[in-house]
Amino acid sequence: MPAFTNPLRRPHSRTLLAVGSAAAGALLLAACGDGTVSEGAAAGSDGAKSAPALHSHIHGLGIDPGDGKLYVATHEGIFTPDRAGSPQLVGDSKDDFMGFTVAGTKTFLASGHPAPDSDQPADHGLIKSTDAGRSWKSVSLKGEADFHSLDHAKGVTYGYDSTRGLLRVSKDGTSWQNRAQLQALDFAVNPADPSQVVATTADGVARSTDGGATFGPGERPGTEYLSWGSPSALFGIDFTGALSISSDGGATWDKTATVPGGQPQALTAVDERHILAATQDGIYESQDAGKTFTKRLNVASGDHH
């Protein structure tokens, strides 16, 4: 049966997993209703509708809680929209930022790979910025780990190490504990209870109640990306852009809308109502749990290279 058909998120081959030793199944897609797209200006800008596009594949999204600015982790650096809605490179790094999460005001955690002309090891391990992405320092596992997904809750950092198909956990960013061996495209942690972890598998959403040490079988609906906005608001988006929400940690789901712009590239829930989603033609923001969307940034994503 086919694995996930979205190779764009990762430079290394990663077949979709089943938890434990179960065979990977077909991706189960969920169909949702259409959302409403606002053509008005994005907050703090003149609108992204006619602004230049970001020409890079997107791996992660985040909002700095200090100033509310949007940050976009891509194959060629971190970007933020200017007042006109045009993408601006943050700092001077053009590295490939894979896993990316906002851990606090001006504090970002990431992983990925150095730019093609670099002499650094192929995998960054865990890196950290304390100046909103303008500069980065290595924290741990340089040359040893490639976190394709990162999350941060209650001071604990969770990372999915794609080189080993392994969920890893750290309280200080330096010392790591190994949890479940699995193949996952994405995962999310309950922001109020880090013992609750969910992961996307070929069979659906797999759930853990022991901090990712073990997972149950994947369950419908099929989902590509997950993000836990609040304890009662876990969001998931499938291959078609269909957005769903779960109030019980992924046991049941309600279909809400379809994010505009085609196949999704990233999803971040800032809280139970504030959602960011990157699709093939743009980055969309909702302040009402997916009922309406505003386009924050134009995107023209080609093949991952």
Protein backbone atom coordinates (compact mmCIF):
# COMPACT_ATOMS: atom_id res chain seq x y z
CA MET A 1 0.00 0.00 0.00
CA PRO A 2 1.29 3.50 -0.70
CA ALA A 3 2.99 5.62 1.89
CA PHE A 4 2.52 9.37 2.16
CA THR A 5 3.02 11.08 -1.17
CA ASN A 6 4.40 14.36 0.14
CA PRO A 7 8.20 14.21 -0.24
CA LEU A 8 8.62 17.97 -0.03
CA ARG A 9 9.06 18.29 3.72
CA ARG A 10 12.25 16.32 3.90
CA PRO A 11 15.51 15.88 1.99
CA HIS A 12 16.00 12.33 3.26
CA SER A 13 13.67 9.51 2.29
CA ARG A 14 11.13 8.81 5.02
CA THR A 15 8.42 6.22 4.46
CA LEU A 16 5.34 6.59 6.58
CA LEU A 17 5.18 4.61 9.58
CA ALA A 18 3.01 2.49 11.50
CA VAL A 19 3.56 2.48 15.25
CA GLY A 20 5.73 -0.38 16.51
CA SER A 21 6.11 -3.10 13.89
CA ALA A 22 2.75 -2.75 12.11
CA ALA A 23 2.92 -2.30 8.35
CA ALA A 24 2.29 1.15 6.93
CA GLY A 25 -1.18 1.52 5.45
CA ALA A 26 -2.70 3.91 2.97
CA LEU A 27 -3.27 7.49 3.99
CA LEU A 28 -6.89 8.05 4.90
CA LEU A 29 -8.13 11.41 3.71
CA ALA A 30 -10.88 13.37 5.39
CA ALA A 31 -13.20 15.62 3.42
CA CYS A 32 -14.26 18.92 4.99
CA GLY A 33 -16.38 21.90 4.11
CA ASP A 34 -15.03 25.04 2.52
CA GLY A 35 -13.70 27.89 4.64
CA THR A 36 -14.16 31.55 3.80
CA VAL A 37 -11.17 33.55 2.58
CA SER A 38 -10.87 37.22 3.43
CA GLU A 39 -9.48 39.42 0.66
CA GLY A 40 -8.82 42.19 3.15
CA ALA A 41 -5.43 43.29 4.40
CA ALA A 42 -3.54 41.12 6.81
CA ALA A 43 -2.94 42.55 10.25
CA GLY A 44 -0.12 45.08 10.17
CA SER A 45 0.20 45.06 6.39
CA ASP A 46 -1.33 46.42 3.24
CA GLY A 47 -2.44 42.92 2.32
CA ALA A 48 -0.60 40.03 0.77
CA LYS A 49 -2.78 39.67 -2.31
CA SER A 50 -0.46 41.51 -4.72
CA ALA A 51 2.80 41.27 -2.76
CA PRO A 52 5.81 39.28 -4.02
CA ALA A 53 5.72 35.56 -3.25
CA LEU A 54 8.00 33.47 -1.08
CA HIS A 55 9.79 31.05 -3.42
CA SER A 56 10.72 28.23 -1.08
CA HIS A 57 9.20 25.16 0.46
CA ILE A 58 7.86 25.77 3.98
CA HIS A 59 8.64 23.52 6.93
CA GLY A 60 7.27 25.45 9.91
CA LEU A 61 5.31 28.45 11.14
CA GLY A 62 5.26 30.42 14.37
CA ILE A 63 4.13 33.62 16.08
CA ASP A 64 6.45 35.42 18.47
CA PRO A 65 4.35 35.98 21.62
CA GLY A 66 6.22 39.21 22.33
CA ASP A 67 5.31 41.21 19.24
CA GLY A 68 2.90 38.93 17.37
CA LYS A 69 5.13 38.72 14.28
CA LEU A 70 4.80 35.78 11.91
CA TYR A 71 7.91 33.67 11.24
CA VAL A 72 8.23 31.13 8.45
CA ALA A 73 10.84 28.35 8.46
CA THR A 74 11.78 27.35 4.92
CA HIS A 75 14.24 25.37 2.83
CA GLU A 76 16.33 28.57 2.50
CA GLY A 77 16.10 30.42 5.79
CA ILE A 78 13.63 32.06 8.16
CA PHE A 79 11.32 34.70 6.70
CA THR A 80 8.83 37.23 8.05
CA PRO A 81 6.42 39.45 6.09
CA ASP A 82 7.09 43.17 6.01
CA ARG A 83 4.33 45.79 6.24
CA ALA A 84 3.52 45.34 2.57
CA GLY A 85 3.24 41.58 2.96
CA SER A 86 6.51 40.83 1.18
CA PRO A 87 8.77 38.06 2.54
CA GLN A 88 11.93 39.29 4.24
CA LEU A 89 14.84 37.04 5.23
CA VAL A 90 15.53 37.14 8.97
CA GLY A 91 19.23 37.38 9.69
CA ASP A 92 21.62 36.06 7.07
CA SER A 93 21.22 32.29 7.40
CA LYS A 94 19.94 30.46 4.32
CA ASP A 95 20.07 27.06 5.97
CA ASP A 96 17.34 24.48 5.49
CA PHE A 97 15.17 24.80 8.61
CA MET A 98 13.22 21.57 9.09
CA GLY A 99 11.76 21.18 12.58
CA PHE A 100 10.82 24.61 13.97
CA THR A 101 8.92 25.82 17.04
CA VAL A 102 8.54 29.03 19.03
CA ALA A 103 9.46 28.31 22.65
CA GLY A 104 8.97 31.84 24.03
CA THR A 105 9.45 35.53 23.29
CA LYS A 106 12.22 35.80 20.67
CA THR A 107 13.14 32.20 21.52
CA PHE A 108 13.02 29.69 18.66
CA LEU A 109 14.11 26.06 18.47
CA ALA A 110 14.93 24.42 15.16
CA SER A 111 16.75 21.68 13.34
CA GLY A 112 17.73 21.05 9.74
CA HIS A 113 20.71 21.27 7.42
CA PRO A 114 23.35 23.86 6.53
CA ALA A 115 23.23 25.75 3.24
CA PRO A 116 24.81 23.92 0.26
CA ASP A 117 28.06 25.93 0.40
CA SER A 118 28.66 25.21 4.10
CA ASP A 119 31.38 22.98 5.52
CA GLN A 120 29.26 22.12 8.58
CA PRO A 121 27.94 18.59 9.32
CA ALA A 122 24.88 17.58 7.32
CA ASP A 123 22.52 17.64 10.32
CA HIS A 124 22.21 20.56 12.74
CA GLY A 125 20.80 18.57 15.66
CA LEU A 126 19.03 21.06 17.94
CA ILE A 127 19.76 24.76 17.41
CA LYS A 128 18.38 27.76 19.28
CA SER A 129 17.83 31.46 18.65
CA THR A 130 17.20 34.00 21.41
CA ASP A 131 16.91 37.00 19.06
CA ALA A 132 13.89 35.96 16.97
CA GLY A 133 15.86 34.05 14.36
CA ARG A 134 18.56 36.59 13.57
CA SER A 135 21.30 34.30 14.89
CA TRP A 136 21.50 30.65 15.91
CA LYS A 137 23.64 28.54 18.23
CA SER A 138 24.11 24.80 18.37
CA VAL A 139 22.59 23.28 21.51
CA SER A 140 23.08 19.52 21.09
CA LEU A 141 23.33 16.53 18.74
CA LYS A 142 25.16 18.41 16.00
CA GLY A 143 25.87 16.02 13.17
CA GLU A 144 23.87 13.32 14.96
CA ALA A 145 20.15 14.13 14.71
CA ASP A 146 17.76 15.51 12.12
CA PHE A 147 14.56 16.65 13.83
CA HIS A 148 11.87 16.95 11.18
CA SER A 149 9.33 18.01 13.78
CA LEU A 150 9.75 19.82 17.11
CA ASP A 151 7.35 20.79 19.88
CA HIS A 152 7.80 22.48 23.24
CA ALA A 153 5.47 22.19 26.23
CA LYS A 154 5.89 22.89 29.95
CA GLY A 155 9.61 23.48 29.47
CA VAL A 156 10.11 20.11 27.76
CA THR A 157 11.32 19.80 24.16
CA TYR A 158 10.08 16.95 22.00
CA GLY A 159 11.73 16.10 18.69
CA TYR A 160 11.11 13.51 16.01
CA ASP A 161 14.54 12.36 14.82
CA SER A 162 13.99 11.21 11.24
CA THR A 163 17.46 9.66 10.98
CA ARG A 164 16.40 6.99 13.48
CA GLY A 165 12.62 7.11 13.29
CA LEU A 166 12.67 7.99 16.98
CA LEU A 167 10.80 10.35 19.28
CA ARG A 168 13.26 12.02 21.66
CA VAL A 169 12.63 14.22 24.70
CA SER A 170 14.79 16.74 26.58
CA LYS A 171 14.20 18.95 29.62
CA ASP A 172 17.28 21.08 29.00
CA GLY A 173 17.90 20.73 25.26
CA THR A 174 21.17 18.94 25.96
CA SER A 175 20.40 15.56 27.55
CA TRP A 176 17.90 13.45 25.61
CA GLN A 177 15.70 10.49 26.46
CA ASN A 178 14.64 8.10 23.71
CA ARG A 179 10.95 7.31 23.52
CA ALA A 180 8.98 5.34 20.91
CA GLN A 181 10.55 4.06 17.71
CA LEU A 182 8.13 5.01 14.97
CA GLN A 183 7.84 6.58 11.55
CA ALA A 184 5.82 9.79 11.63
CA LEU A 185 5.32 12.76 9.40
CA ASP A 186 4.35 15.04 12.31
CA PHE A 187 3.44 15.00 15.99
CA ALA A 188 2.05 17.35 18.63
CA VAL A 189 2.15 17.59 22.43
CA ASN A 190 -0.66 18.73 24.73
CA PRO A 191 0.54 22.18 25.93
CA ALA A 192 -0.89 21.58 29.42
CA ASP A 193 0.01 17.90 29.77
CA PRO A 194 3.18 16.73 27.97
CA SER A 195 2.29 13.11 28.74
CA GLN A 196 -0.25 13.32 25.91
CA VAL A 197 1.35 13.08 22.47
CA VAL A 198 -0.24 12.45 19.07
CA ALA A 199 1.47 11.48 15.82
CA THR A 200 0.43 11.12 12.20
CA THR A 201 0.75 7.62 10.80
CA ALA A 202 -0.29 5.90 7.59
CA ASP A 203 -3.31 4.51 9.44
CA GLY A 204 -4.37 7.80 11.03
CA VAL A 205 -3.62 9.60 14.28
CA ALA A 206 -1.77 7.52 16.90
CA ARG A 207 -2.06 8.57 20.55
CA SER A 208 0.26 8.28 23.54
CA THR A 209 -0.56 8.90 27.21
CA ASP A 210 2.93 8.22 28.56
CA GLY A 211 4.93 11.04 26.99
CA GLY A 212 5.55 9.23 23.74
CA ALA A 213 7.04 6.06 25.23
CA THR A 214 4.31 3.99 23.59
CA PHE A 215 1.58 4.71 21.07
CA GLY A 216 -1.72 3.07 20.28
CA PRO A 217 -2.69 2.16 16.71
CA GLY A 218 -3.38 4.87 14.18
CA GLU A 219 -7.04 5.84 13.92
CA ARG A 220 -9.07 7.78 11.38
CA PRO A 221 -9.15 10.44 10.08
CA GLY A 222 -5.97 10.41 8.01
CA THR A 223 -3.91 13.51 8.79
CA GLU A 224 -0.69 15.06 7.54
CA TYR A 225 0.06 17.76 10.12
CA LEU A 226 -1.03 18.27 13.72
CA SER A 227 -0.86 21.18 16.17
CA TRP A 228 -2.21 21.44 19.71
CA GLY A 229 -3.46 24.99 20.31
CA SER A 230 -4.89 24.39 23.80
CA PRO A 231 -5.78 21.33 25.87
CA SER A 232 -9.24 21.26 24.26
CA ALA A 233 -8.20 22.22 20.73
CA LEU A 234 -6.05 19.79 18.76
CA PHE A 235 -6.02 20.67 15.06
CA GLY A 236 -5.22 18.40 12.12
CA ILE A 237 -4.97 19.01 8.39
CA ASP A 238 -5.00 16.35 5.70
CA PHE A 239 -3.46 16.06 2.22
CA THR A 240 -6.36 18.00 0.65
CA GLY A 241 -6.17 20.92 3.10
CA ALA A 242 -9.20 19.75 5.08
CA LEU A 243 -8.98 21.08 8.64
CA SER A 244 -10.41 19.21 11.65
CA ILE A 245 -10.45 19.86 15.38
CA SER A 246 -10.49 17.47 18.33
CA SER A 247 -11.51 18.45 21.87
CA ASP A 248 -10.57 15.08 23.39
CA GLY A 249 -6.95 14.61 22.42
CA GLY A 250 -7.57 13.02 19.04
CA ALA A 251 -10.19 10.41 20.01
CA THR A 252 -12.88 12.14 17.94
CA TRP A 253 -12.72 14.86 15.29
CA ASP A 254 -15.03 17.53 13.90
CA LYS A 255 -14.51 18.76 10.35
CA THR A 256 -14.37 22.54 10.22
CA ALA A 257 -13.15 23.90 6.88
CA THR A 258 -10.75 23.55 3.99
CA VAL A 259 -7.71 25.81 4.09
CA PRO A 260 -7.31 27.59 0.74
CA GLY A 261 -4.39 27.12 -1.62
CA GLY A 262 -4.01 23.40 -2.19
CA GLN A 263 -1.77 20.83 -0.51
CA PRO A 264 -0.62 21.87 2.98
CA GLN A 265 3.02 22.31 3.94
CA ALA A 266 2.76 23.23 7.64
CA LEU A 267 0.23 23.85 10.41
CA THR A 268 0.57 25.73 13.69
CA ALA A 269 -2.18 26.41 16.22
CA VAL A 270 -1.19 29.36 18.41
CA ASP A 271 -4.21 28.82 20.66
CA GLU A 272 -7.73 27.40 20.41
CA ARG A 273 -8.77 30.01 17.80
CA HIS A 274 -5.58 31.31 16.19
CA ILE A 275 -4.32 29.04 13.39
CA LEU A 276 -1.60 29.35 10.76
CA ALA A 277 -1.45 27.08 7.72
CA ALA A 278 0.96 27.07 4.78
CA THR A 279 -0.34 25.71 1.49
CA GLN A 280 0.99 25.72 -2.05
CA ASP A 281 -0.02 29.30 -2.80
CA GLY A 282 0.12 31.07 0.53
CA ILE A 283 0.26 31.29 4.29
CA TYR A 284 -3.21 31.64 5.73
CA GLU A 285 -4.25 32.83 9.17
CA SER A 286 -7.49 32.25 11.03
CA GLN A 287 -8.53 33.96 14.25
CA ASP A 288 -11.80 32.04 14.57
CA ALA A 289 -10.73 28.38 14.62
CA GLY A 290 -10.88 28.02 10.85
CA LYS A 291 -14.20 29.67 9.99
CA THR A 292 -12.46 32.40 8.00
CA PHE A 293 -8.92 32.83 6.69
CA THR A 294 -6.76 35.82 5.77
CA LYS A 295 -3.81 35.41 3.42
CA ARG A 296 -0.67 36.65 5.16
CA LEU A 297 1.97 35.80 2.57
CA ASN A 298 2.03 34.69 -1.05
CA VAL A 299 3.89 31.44 -1.68
CA ALA A 300 5.20 29.91 -4.90
CA SER A 301 6.61 26.57 -3.78
CA GLY A 302 8.35 24.42 -6.35
CA ASP A 303 9.79 20.97 -5.83
CA HIS A 304 12.06 20.46 -2.84
CA HIS A 305 15.65 20.76 -4.05
